[in-house]
N, C-alpha and C. Protein backbone atom coordinates (compact mmCIF):
# COMPACT_ATOMS: atom_id res chain seq x y z
N UNK A 1 289.42 -63.32 108.40
CA UNK A 1 290.31 -62.78 107.41
C UNK A 1 290.09 -61.83 106.51
N UNK A 2 290.87 -61.26 106.61
CA UNK A 2 290.64 -60.07 106.08
C UNK A 2 290.68 -60.07 104.26
N UNK A 3 290.16 -59.54 103.23
CA UNK A 3 289.86 -60.39 102.12
C UNK A 3 291.30 -59.23 101.71
N UNK A 4 292.17 -60.28 101.23
CA UNK A 4 292.96 -59.11 99.98
C UNK A 4 293.02 -58.95 98.56
N UNK A 5 293.75 -57.69 98.83
CA UNK A 5 293.52 -57.11 97.94
C UNK A 5 294.20 -57.41 96.33
N UNK A 6 293.69 -56.99 95.44
CA UNK A 6 294.31 -57.28 93.74
C UNK A 6 295.67 -56.65 94.22
N UNK A 7 296.79 -57.81 93.75
CA UNK A 7 297.75 -57.81 93.57
C UNK A 7 298.84 -57.90 95.25
N UNK A 8 299.92 -57.33 94.68
CA UNK A 8 301.07 -57.24 95.92
C UNK A 8 300.38 -56.74 96.89
N UNK A 9 301.29 -56.74 98.26
CA UNK A 9 300.31 -55.63 99.31
C UNK A 9 301.56 -54.62 99.57
N UNK A 10 301.78 -53.50 100.64
CA UNK A 10 302.77 -52.83 100.62
C UNK A 10 303.40 -52.97 101.29
N UNK A 11 302.63 -54.47 102.56
CA UNK A 11 303.75 -54.33 103.29
C UNK A 11 303.76 -56.33 103.63
N UNK A 12 303.51 -56.20 104.61
CA UNK A 12 303.54 -57.64 104.90
C UNK A 12 302.92 -58.10 105.28
N UNK A 13 301.78 -57.93 105.91
CA UNK A 13 300.13 -58.36 106.17
C UNK A 13 299.18 -57.23 105.93
N UNK A 14 297.63 -57.27 105.85
CA UNK A 14 296.77 -56.14 105.95
C UNK A 14 296.80 -55.33 106.95
N UNK A 15 297.33 -56.31 107.92
CA UNK A 15 297.69 -55.17 108.75
C UNK A 15 298.42 -53.77 108.79
N UNK A 16 299.22 -54.42 108.34
CA UNK A 16 300.47 -53.39 108.22
C UNK A 16 300.02 -52.70 107.50
N UNK A 17 299.95 -52.98 106.13
CA UNK A 17 299.16 -51.83 105.02
C UNK A 17 298.41 -51.05 105.41
N UNK A 18 296.69 -51.16 106.39
CA UNK A 18 296.33 -50.41 106.69
C UNK A 18 296.83 -49.16 107.43
N UNK A 19 298.46 -49.50 108.09
CA UNK A 19 299.54 -48.67 109.20
C UNK A 19 299.37 -47.62 108.02
N UNK A 20 300.39 -48.15 107.20
CA UNK A 20 301.19 -47.30 105.70
C UNK A 20 300.01 -46.48 106.05
N UNK A 21 299.16 -46.70 104.94
CA UNK A 21 298.06 -46.24 104.44
C UNK A 21 297.39 -44.76 105.69
N UNK A 22 297.16 -45.18 106.32
CA UNK A 22 296.78 -44.66 107.54
C UNK A 22 298.08 -43.06 108.10
N UNK A 23 299.07 -43.71 107.84
CA UNK A 23 300.32 -42.74 107.82
C UNK A 23 300.83 -42.25 106.75
N UNK A 24 300.39 -41.99 105.46
CA UNK A 24 300.98 -41.57 104.85
C UNK A 24 299.32 -40.71 104.67
N UNK A 25 298.22 -40.90 104.86
CA UNK A 25 296.95 -40.27 104.92
C UNK A 25 297.53 -38.57 105.74
N UNK A 26 297.63 -39.30 107.03
CA UNK A 26 298.22 -38.69 108.18
C UNK A 26 298.92 -37.49 107.51
N UNK A 27 300.50 -37.97 107.05
CA UNK A 27 301.26 -36.79 106.03
C UNK A 27 300.78 -36.06 104.93
N UNK A 28 299.96 -36.61 104.67
CA UNK A 28 299.58 -35.71 102.95
C UNK A 28 298.27 -35.10 103.82
N UNK A 29 297.99 -34.81 104.85
CA UNK A 29 297.17 -33.62 105.97
C UNK A 29 297.54 -33.01 106.03
N UNK A 30 298.32 -33.43 106.66
CA UNK A 30 299.50 -32.34 107.36
C UNK A 30 300.08 -31.27 106.54
N UNK A 31 301.19 -32.01 105.63
CA UNK A 31 301.63 -30.91 105.18
C UNK A 31 301.55 -30.64 103.69
N UNK A 32 299.96 -31.13 102.90
CA UNK A 32 299.66 -30.74 101.36
C UNK A 32 300.31 -31.57 100.81
N UNK A 33 301.14 -32.56 100.51
CA UNK A 33 301.72 -32.72 99.26
C UNK A 33 302.42 -34.06 100.23
N UNK A 34 303.02 -34.98 99.30
CA UNK A 34 304.16 -36.18 99.96
C UNK A 34 304.72 -36.88 98.50
N UNK A 35 305.89 -37.03 98.47
CA UNK A 35 306.68 -37.53 97.56
C UNK A 35 306.62 -39.12 98.32
N UNK A 36 306.31 -40.25 97.10
CA UNK A 36 306.16 -41.59 97.40
C UNK A 36 306.54 -42.21 96.40
N UNK A 37 306.12 -43.58 96.43
CA UNK A 37 305.85 -44.31 94.88
C UNK A 37 304.71 -43.87 94.88
N UNK A 38 304.56 -44.72 93.14
CA UNK A 38 303.45 -44.35 92.34
C UNK A 38 302.25 -45.15 93.05
N UNK A 39 302.62 -46.47 93.22
CA UNK A 39 301.56 -47.46 94.28
C UNK A 39 301.13 -47.16 95.77
N UNK A 40 302.45 -47.17 96.19
CA UNK A 40 301.48 -46.20 97.27
C UNK A 40 300.84 -44.94 96.69
N UNK A 41 300.75 -44.24 96.50
CA UNK A 41 299.75 -43.08 96.09
C UNK A 41 298.49 -43.16 95.54
N UNK A 42 298.65 -44.81 94.40
CA UNK A 42 297.61 -44.97 94.22
C UNK A 42 296.52 -45.87 94.87
N UNK A 43 297.13 -46.50 95.73
CA UNK A 43 297.07 -47.11 96.96
C UNK A 43 295.98 -46.00 97.72
N UNK A 44 296.46 -44.76 98.06
CA UNK A 44 296.53 -43.50 99.13
C UNK A 44 294.91 -42.88 98.73
N UNK A 45 295.12 -42.69 97.35
CA UNK A 45 293.99 -41.56 96.83
C UNK A 45 292.63 -41.87 97.27
N UNK A 46 292.11 -43.61 97.12
CA UNK A 46 290.77 -43.62 97.17
C UNK A 46 290.64 -43.05 99.00
N UNK A 47 291.28 -43.83 99.59
CA UNK A 47 291.67 -43.46 100.96
C UNK A 47 291.17 -42.55 101.70
N UNK A 48 292.15 -41.03 100.95
CA UNK A 48 292.35 -39.48 101.52
C UNK A 48 291.06 -38.95 101.18
N UNK A 49 290.47 -39.41 99.53
CA UNK A 49 289.11 -38.92 99.57
C UNK A 49 287.77 -39.67 100.34
N UNK A 50 287.88 -40.52 100.49
CA UNK A 50 286.72 -41.16 101.07
C UNK A 50 287.35 -40.02 102.97
N UNK A 51 287.85 -39.74 103.30
CA UNK A 51 288.44 -39.17 104.54
C UNK A 51 287.83 -37.93 104.51
N UNK A 52 288.02 -37.17 103.33
CA UNK A 52 287.28 -35.74 103.16
C UNK A 52 286.18 -35.49 102.90
N UNK A 53 285.49 -36.63 102.08
CA UNK A 53 284.24 -36.77 102.41
C UNK A 53 283.49 -36.53 103.91
N UNK A 54 284.53 -38.08 104.57
CA UNK A 54 283.68 -37.69 106.07
C UNK A 54 284.00 -36.30 106.41
N UNK A 55 284.92 -35.78 106.60
CA UNK A 55 285.08 -34.61 106.96
C UNK A 55 283.93 -33.47 106.75
N UNK A 56 283.92 -34.08 105.07
CA UNK A 56 283.00 -32.54 104.72
C UNK A 56 281.34 -32.68 105.21
N UNK A 57 280.70 -33.47 105.64
CA UNK A 57 279.62 -33.68 107.01
C UNK A 57 279.93 -33.35 107.68
N UNK A 58 280.90 -32.86 108.84
CA UNK A 58 281.75 -32.71 110.20
C UNK A 58 280.48 -32.37 111.25
N UNK A 59 279.61 -33.59 111.07
CA UNK A 59 279.60 -34.36 112.52
C UNK A 59 280.45 -34.87 113.43
N UNK A 60 279.78 -35.95 114.35
CA UNK A 60 280.41 -36.92 115.64
C UNK A 60 280.90 -37.76 115.00
N UNK A 61 279.77 -38.51 114.42
CA UNK A 61 280.29 -39.80 113.75
C UNK A 61 280.95 -39.64 112.85
N UNK A 62 281.55 -38.92 111.67
CA UNK A 62 281.90 -38.94 110.51
C UNK A 62 283.69 -38.53 111.43
N UNK A 63 283.76 -37.71 112.33
CA UNK A 63 284.85 -37.41 113.24
C UNK A 63 285.31 -38.18 113.63
N UNK A 64 284.83 -39.39 114.68
CA UNK A 64 285.19 -40.57 114.99
C UNK A 64 285.24 -41.71 114.07
N UNK A 65 284.52 -41.85 112.66
CA UNK A 65 284.96 -42.97 111.84
C UNK A 65 286.61 -42.61 111.25
N UNK A 66 287.01 -40.71 111.23
CA UNK A 66 288.14 -40.76 110.85
C UNK A 66 288.85 -40.80 111.49
N UNK A 67 288.82 -40.79 112.66
CA UNK A 67 289.51 -41.19 114.31
C UNK A 67 290.29 -42.52 113.84
N UNK A 68 289.50 -43.49 113.59
CA UNK A 68 289.85 -44.93 113.79
C UNK A 68 291.00 -44.79 112.23
N UNK A 69 291.42 -43.80 111.07
CA UNK A 69 291.92 -43.89 110.54
C UNK A 69 293.74 -43.01 111.18
N UNK A 70 292.90 -41.99 110.92
CA UNK A 70 294.05 -40.55 111.43
C UNK A 70 294.13 -40.58 112.91
N UNK A 71 295.11 -41.23 113.53
CA UNK A 71 295.55 -41.14 115.16
C UNK A 71 295.52 -39.96 115.45
N UNK A 72 296.15 -38.95 115.01
CA UNK A 72 296.65 -37.60 115.49
C UNK A 72 295.63 -36.89 115.34
N UNK A 73 295.15 -36.13 117.10
CA UNK A 73 294.11 -35.48 116.67
C UNK A 73 293.64 -33.60 116.25
N UNK A 74 295.06 -33.91 115.78
CA UNK A 74 296.11 -31.47 115.76
C UNK A 74 295.35 -32.08 114.16
N UNK A 75 295.70 -33.38 113.43
CA UNK A 75 295.41 -33.49 112.08
C UNK A 75 294.23 -33.36 111.70
N UNK A 76 293.79 -34.20 112.47
CA UNK A 76 291.90 -34.33 112.45
C UNK A 76 291.57 -33.38 112.61
N UNK A 77 291.51 -32.30 113.09
CA UNK A 77 290.79 -31.05 113.68
C UNK A 77 291.27 -29.69 112.45
N UNK A 78 292.54 -30.59 111.87
CA UNK A 78 292.75 -29.24 110.54
C UNK A 78 291.97 -29.78 109.28
N UNK A 79 291.80 -31.08 109.42
CA UNK A 79 291.02 -31.83 108.58
C UNK A 79 289.31 -31.43 108.29
N UNK A 80 288.82 -31.05 109.51
CA UNK A 80 287.64 -31.01 109.41
C UNK A 80 287.28 -29.45 109.21
N UNK A 81 287.66 -28.97 110.58
CA UNK A 81 288.17 -26.93 109.45
C UNK A 81 288.81 -26.07 108.92
N UNK A 82 290.20 -27.05 108.10
CA UNK A 82 290.25 -26.17 107.61
C UNK A 82 291.01 -26.81 105.80
N UNK A 83 290.41 -28.08 105.97
CA UNK A 83 290.81 -28.15 104.53
C UNK A 83 289.19 -28.49 103.86
N UNK A 84 288.38 -29.57 104.87
CA UNK A 84 287.01 -29.86 104.13
C UNK A 84 286.56 -28.66 104.12
N UNK A 85 286.69 -27.86 104.76
CA UNK A 85 285.58 -26.49 103.80
C UNK A 85 285.99 -25.65 102.04
N UNK A 86 287.07 -26.06 101.73
CA UNK A 86 288.24 -26.11 100.86
C UNK A 86 286.74 -25.92 99.60
N UNK A 87 286.60 -27.89 100.00
CA UNK A 87 285.54 -28.60 99.22
C UNK A 87 284.71 -28.78 99.28
N UNK A 88 283.33 -27.58 99.52
CA UNK A 88 282.18 -27.90 100.05
C UNK A 88 281.09 -28.10 98.78
N UNK A 89 282.18 -27.36 97.43
CA UNK A 89 280.95 -27.33 96.41
C UNK A 89 281.91 -28.25 94.96
N UNK A 90 283.01 -29.03 96.42
CA UNK A 90 283.37 -30.26 95.06
C UNK A 90 282.82 -32.09 95.37
N UNK A 91 282.76 -32.26 94.47
CA UNK A 91 281.93 -33.98 94.74
C UNK A 91 283.18 -34.78 94.16
N UNK A 92 284.19 -34.69 94.73
CA UNK A 92 285.22 -35.50 94.70
C UNK A 92 286.59 -34.95 93.94
N UNK A 93 287.26 -36.01 93.63
CA UNK A 93 288.79 -35.35 93.20
C UNK A 93 289.67 -34.55 93.61
N UNK A 94 289.60 -34.64 95.52
CA UNK A 94 290.62 -33.67 96.06
C UNK A 94 291.90 -33.76 95.52
N UNK A 95 292.65 -34.59 95.28
CA UNK A 95 294.15 -35.12 95.45
C UNK A 95 294.69 -35.01 93.75
N UNK A 96 295.70 -34.68 93.60
CA UNK A 96 296.40 -35.19 92.00
C UNK A 96 297.46 -35.46 92.72
N UNK A 97 297.66 -37.04 91.62
CA UNK A 97 299.03 -37.17 91.54
C UNK A 97 299.48 -37.24 90.04
N UNK A 98 301.03 -36.54 90.28
CA UNK A 98 302.03 -35.83 89.34
C UNK A 98 303.28 -36.89 89.85
N UNK A 99 303.30 -38.18 88.14
CA UNK A 99 304.48 -38.72 88.46
C UNK A 99 305.80 -37.70 88.18
N UNK A 100 306.58 -38.04 89.06
CA UNK A 100 307.78 -37.86 88.63
C UNK A 100 309.63 -38.92 88.71
N UNK A 101 310.14 -38.69 88.24
CA UNK A 101 311.28 -39.39 87.93
C UNK A 101 311.52 -40.66 88.76
N UNK A 102 312.32 -41.75 88.35
CA UNK A 102 312.61 -42.63 88.64
C UNK A 102 313.12 -42.16 90.42
N UNK A 103 313.57 -43.28 91.29
CA UNK A 103 313.90 -43.25 92.49
C UNK A 103 315.60 -43.39 92.29
N UNK A 104 316.68 -42.52 92.64
CA UNK A 104 318.03 -42.67 92.62
C UNK A 104 318.58 -44.07 92.92
N UNK A 105 318.03 -44.19 94.38
CA UNK A 105 318.68 -45.99 95.14
C UNK A 105 318.22 -46.56 94.15
N UNK A 106 316.91 -47.64 93.55
CA UNK A 106 316.03 -48.85 93.86
C UNK A 106 315.84 -48.18 92.06
N UNK A 107 315.22 -47.39 91.40
CA UNK A 107 314.59 -46.65 89.74
C UNK A 107 313.42 -47.02 90.28
N UNK A 108 312.84 -46.90 91.74
CA UNK A 108 311.09 -47.37 91.85
C UNK A 108 310.30 -46.18 91.01
N UNK A 109 309.49 -46.29 90.19
CA UNK A 109 308.58 -45.05 90.29
C UNK A 109 307.83 -43.99 91.53
N UNK A 110 308.65 -42.92 90.69
CA UNK A 110 308.22 -42.01 91.69
C UNK A 110 307.06 -41.10 91.91
N UNK A 111 306.19 -40.39 92.51
CA UNK A 111 305.14 -39.61 92.41
C UNK A 111 305.01 -38.34 93.47
N UNK A 112 303.67 -37.65 92.99
CA UNK A 112 303.48 -36.51 94.16
C UNK A 112 302.28 -36.98 94.49
N UNK A 113 301.32 -36.93 95.55
CA UNK A 113 300.16 -36.65 95.45
C UNK A 113 299.98 -35.40 96.74
N UNK A 114 299.01 -35.20 95.82
CA UNK A 114 298.58 -33.22 96.77
C UNK A 114 297.17 -33.42 96.70
N UNK A 115 296.60 -32.20 97.67
CA UNK A 115 295.23 -31.52 97.42
C UNK A 115 295.57 -30.55 96.59
N UNK A 116 294.51 -30.90 96.02
CA UNK A 116 293.82 -29.91 94.93
C UNK A 116 293.38 -28.49 95.97
N UNK A 117 294.13 -27.55 95.10
CA UNK A 117 293.31 -26.45 96.27
C UNK A 117 292.78 -25.21 95.42
N UNK A 118 291.53 -25.59 96.70
CA UNK A 118 290.29 -24.87 96.15
C UNK A 118 289.96 -23.38 96.88
N UNK A 119 289.69 -22.63 96.72
CA UNK A 119 289.24 -21.55 97.04
C UNK A 119 288.12 -21.99 96.99
N UNK A 120 287.00 -21.59 98.02
CA UNK A 120 285.05 -22.00 97.68
C UNK A 120 285.13 -21.02 99.14
N UNK A 121 285.77 -20.88 100.18
CA UNK A 121 285.39 -20.54 101.47
C UNK A 121 285.07 -18.50 100.37
N UNK A 122 286.02 -17.89 99.92
CA UNK A 122 285.55 -16.64 99.70
C UNK A 122 284.91 -16.11 98.68
N UNK A 123 284.20 -17.61 98.09
CA UNK A 123 283.00 -17.20 97.39
C UNK A 123 281.28 -17.72 98.33
N UNK A 124 281.35 -18.41 99.01
CA UNK A 124 280.72 -18.70 99.65
C UNK A 124 279.36 -17.47 100.15
N UNK A 125 280.66 -16.49 100.73
CA UNK A 125 279.68 -15.39 101.57
C UNK A 125 279.27 -14.30 100.40
N UNK A 126 279.23 -14.06 99.05
CA UNK A 126 278.87 -13.73 98.09
C UNK A 126 277.80 -14.13 97.84
N UNK A 127 277.67 -15.23 97.77
CA UNK A 127 276.64 -16.24 97.17
C UNK A 127 275.45 -16.11 98.72
N UNK A 128 275.36 -15.93 100.13
CA UNK A 128 275.08 -15.83 100.11
C UNK A 128 274.39 -14.74 100.73
N UNK A 129 274.83 -13.40 100.57
CA UNK A 129 274.45 -12.21 100.12
C UNK A 129 273.41 -12.03 99.58
N UNK A 130 273.87 -12.54 97.91
CA UNK A 130 272.56 -12.79 96.62
C UNK A 130 271.62 -13.48 97.17
N UNK A 131 271.58 -14.43 97.76
CA UNK A 131 270.43 -15.01 97.92
C UNK A 131 269.68 -14.53 99.36
N UNK A 132 270.49 -13.62 99.90
CA UNK A 132 269.66 -13.12 100.65
C UNK A 132 269.03 -12.05 100.50
N UNK A 133 269.79 -10.63 99.70
CA UNK A 133 268.48 -9.99 98.68
C UNK A 133 267.46 -10.70 98.17
N UNK A 134 267.49 -12.00 97.47
CA UNK A 134 266.64 -12.23 96.72
C UNK A 134 265.97 -12.70 97.69
N UNK A 135 265.63 -13.17 98.49
CA UNK A 135 264.75 -13.33 99.66
C UNK A 135 263.85 -12.06 99.69
N UNK A 136 264.73 -10.64 100.56
CA UNK A 136 263.95 -10.08 100.79
C UNK A 136 262.95 -9.32 99.87
N UNK A 137 263.96 -9.51 98.12
CA UNK A 137 263.30 -9.02 97.48
C UNK A 137 261.56 -9.47 97.04
N UNK A 138 261.62 -11.00 96.74
CA UNK A 138 260.69 -11.58 97.30
C UNK A 138 259.94 -11.57 98.16
N UNK A 139 260.15 -11.22 99.10
CA UNK A 139 259.02 -10.66 100.68
C UNK A 139 258.85 -9.69 100.59
N UNK A 140 259.55 -8.63 100.02
CA UNK A 140 258.79 -7.24 99.34
C UNK A 140 257.62 -7.34 98.92
N UNK A 141 257.75 -8.64 97.75
CA UNK A 141 256.77 -8.03 96.53
C UNK A 141 255.96 -8.86 97.13
N UNK A 142 255.71 -9.44 97.88
CA UNK A 142 254.79 -10.18 98.31
C UNK A 142 254.23 -9.78 99.67
N UNK A 143 254.88 -8.83 100.43
CA UNK A 143 254.07 -8.12 101.17
C UNK A 143 253.48 -6.91 100.13
N UNK A 144 254.00 -6.14 99.04
CA UNK A 144 252.92 -5.32 98.07
C UNK A 144 251.93 -6.22 97.48
N UNK A 145 251.49 -7.38 97.18
CA UNK A 145 250.85 -7.68 96.27
C UNK A 145 249.82 -8.35 97.19
N UNK A 146 249.42 -8.12 98.64
CA UNK A 146 248.91 -8.75 99.96
C UNK A 146 248.30 -7.90 100.24
N UNK A 147 249.04 -6.07 100.39
CA UNK A 147 248.65 -4.87 100.76
C UNK A 147 247.18 -4.31 99.97
N UNK A 148 246.07 -4.32 101.02
CA UNK A 148 244.20 -4.30 100.56
C UNK A 148 245.67 -2.87 100.13
N UNK A 149 243.78 -2.71 98.79
CA UNK A 149 244.20 -1.26 98.00
C UNK A 149 243.67 -0.10 98.68
N UNK A 150 242.81 -0.71 99.38
CA UNK A 150 241.91 0.82 100.29
C UNK A 150 242.19 1.56 101.45
N UNK A 151 243.39 0.63 101.95
CA UNK A 151 243.35 1.79 103.32
C UNK A 151 244.87 2.86 102.78
N UNK A 152 245.08 3.58 103.71
CA UNK A 152 246.17 4.41 103.23
C UNK A 152 247.12 4.87 103.24
N UNK A 153 248.03 5.44 101.98
CA UNK A 153 249.33 5.11 101.59
C UNK A 153 250.28 5.51 103.12
N UNK A 154 251.33 4.72 103.39
CA UNK A 154 251.82 4.32 103.90
C UNK A 154 253.14 5.80 104.37
N UNK A 155 253.45 5.69 105.03
CA UNK A 155 254.48 7.10 105.18
C UNK A 155 255.29 7.84 104.10
N UNK A 156 256.33 5.90 103.38
CA UNK A 156 257.04 6.76 102.81
C UNK A 156 256.40 6.77 101.58
N UNK A 157 255.37 6.33 100.95
CA UNK A 157 254.23 6.67 99.62
C UNK A 157 253.74 7.88 99.87
N UNK A 158 253.44 9.05 101.23
CA UNK A 158 253.15 10.03 101.38
C UNK A 158 254.17 10.68 101.01
N UNK A 159 254.96 10.41 101.42
CA UNK A 159 256.51 11.40 101.22
C UNK A 159 257.20 11.52 99.86
N UNK A 160 256.79 10.48 99.14
CA UNK A 160 257.01 10.31 97.98
C UNK A 160 255.78 11.34 97.11
N UNK A 161 254.93 11.10 97.60
CA UNK A 161 254.17 11.79 96.65
C UNK A 161 254.08 13.73 96.71
N UNK A 162 254.38 12.75 98.33
CA UNK A 162 254.67 14.55 97.99
C UNK A 162 255.94 16.00 98.14
N UNK A 163 256.86 15.07 97.78
CA UNK A 163 258.13 15.49 97.29
C UNK A 163 257.39 15.68 95.41
N UNK A 164 257.13 14.54 94.70
CA UNK A 164 256.52 14.91 93.47
C UNK A 164 255.48 16.41 93.45
N UNK A 165 254.78 16.11 94.16
CA UNK A 165 253.69 17.70 93.97
C UNK A 165 254.31 18.80 94.49
N UNK A 166 255.82 18.88 95.01
CA UNK A 166 256.36 20.28 95.43
C UNK A 166 257.41 20.10 94.47
N UNK A 167 257.89 19.42 93.46
CA UNK A 167 259.05 19.29 92.90
C UNK A 167 258.08 20.21 91.39
N UNK A 168 256.96 19.36 90.82
CA UNK A 168 256.03 20.61 89.81
C UNK A 168 255.85 21.73 90.87
N UNK A 169 255.71 21.95 91.94
CA UNK A 169 255.83 23.71 91.92
C UNK A 169 256.55 24.37 91.54
N UNK A 170 257.93 24.19 92.14
CA UNK A 170 258.79 24.54 91.87
C UNK A 170 259.37 25.01 90.62
N UNK A 171 258.67 24.18 89.45
CA UNK A 171 258.89 23.94 88.30
C UNK A 171 258.79 25.05 87.53
N UNK A 172 257.29 25.30 87.94
CA UNK A 172 255.76 26.12 87.49
C UNK A 172 256.66 26.99 87.56
N UNK A 173 256.93 27.97 89.16
CA UNK A 173 257.25 28.59 89.69
C UNK A 173 258.47 29.82 89.63
N UNK A 174 259.52 28.48 88.61
CA UNK A 174 260.85 29.17 88.38
C UNK A 174 260.42 29.94 87.12
N UNK A 175 261.50 31.49 87.01
CA UNK A 175 261.48 32.02 86.44
C UNK A 175 261.84 31.95 85.16
N UNK A 176 261.40 31.98 83.81
CA UNK A 176 261.49 31.52 82.11
C UNK A 176 261.00 30.45 82.13
N UNK A 177 260.05 29.70 83.55
CA UNK A 177 259.33 28.56 83.45
C UNK A 177 258.15 28.89 81.63
N UNK A 178 257.74 28.47 80.86
CA UNK A 178 256.92 28.78 80.64
C UNK A 178 255.44 28.63 80.30
N UNK A 179 255.13 29.47 80.08
CA UNK A 179 253.32 29.38 80.63
C UNK A 179 253.05 28.50 79.41
N UNK A 180 251.80 27.89 80.29
CA UNK A 180 251.37 26.60 79.40
C UNK A 180 249.92 27.45 79.37
N UNK A 181 249.05 27.28 77.65
CA UNK A 181 247.84 27.52 77.57
C UNK A 181 246.75 26.80 77.47
N UNK A 182 246.09 27.40 78.51
CA UNK A 182 244.78 26.16 78.54
C UNK A 182 243.97 27.00 78.20
N UNK A 183 242.67 26.03 77.68
CA UNK A 183 241.88 25.44 76.65
C UNK A 183 240.41 25.25 76.93
């Protein structure tokens, strides 16, 4: 027999409660936000965050674990390929609960549970470019440090040396250049 949760259950049995939470999680991932009672929203939040954390791993085992809760394969695909990458640099806190007024029919306290919008995907290429540039600079410095000094300079170093001597010669040959006095 499963261990009962503290407080009143949302449904008539533990199985019914699990199915209700699974359906709420499916709707949350499909639409991005849902309106429900505060109690259901509070019970849904840890489940949804666990599913997003599993989706961030992205491996087959995680996908199968999520499929045991969320039965819709299209929603699971969206969770793994669109929702989870948004939260790559975030360690939890993927959902937000906003309380609204009471429901008109029975005055039940209502709330909106929604996914926090995080635009991390756009920042990832910029960080990767900086990291690649740092690696290239470090590699170039390493090669320069290890190069023996007795070898001939490379072609680019020769070209730099040639341009330096020609620029000095053209400066001295230019009309109006001051003559230097040699002692």
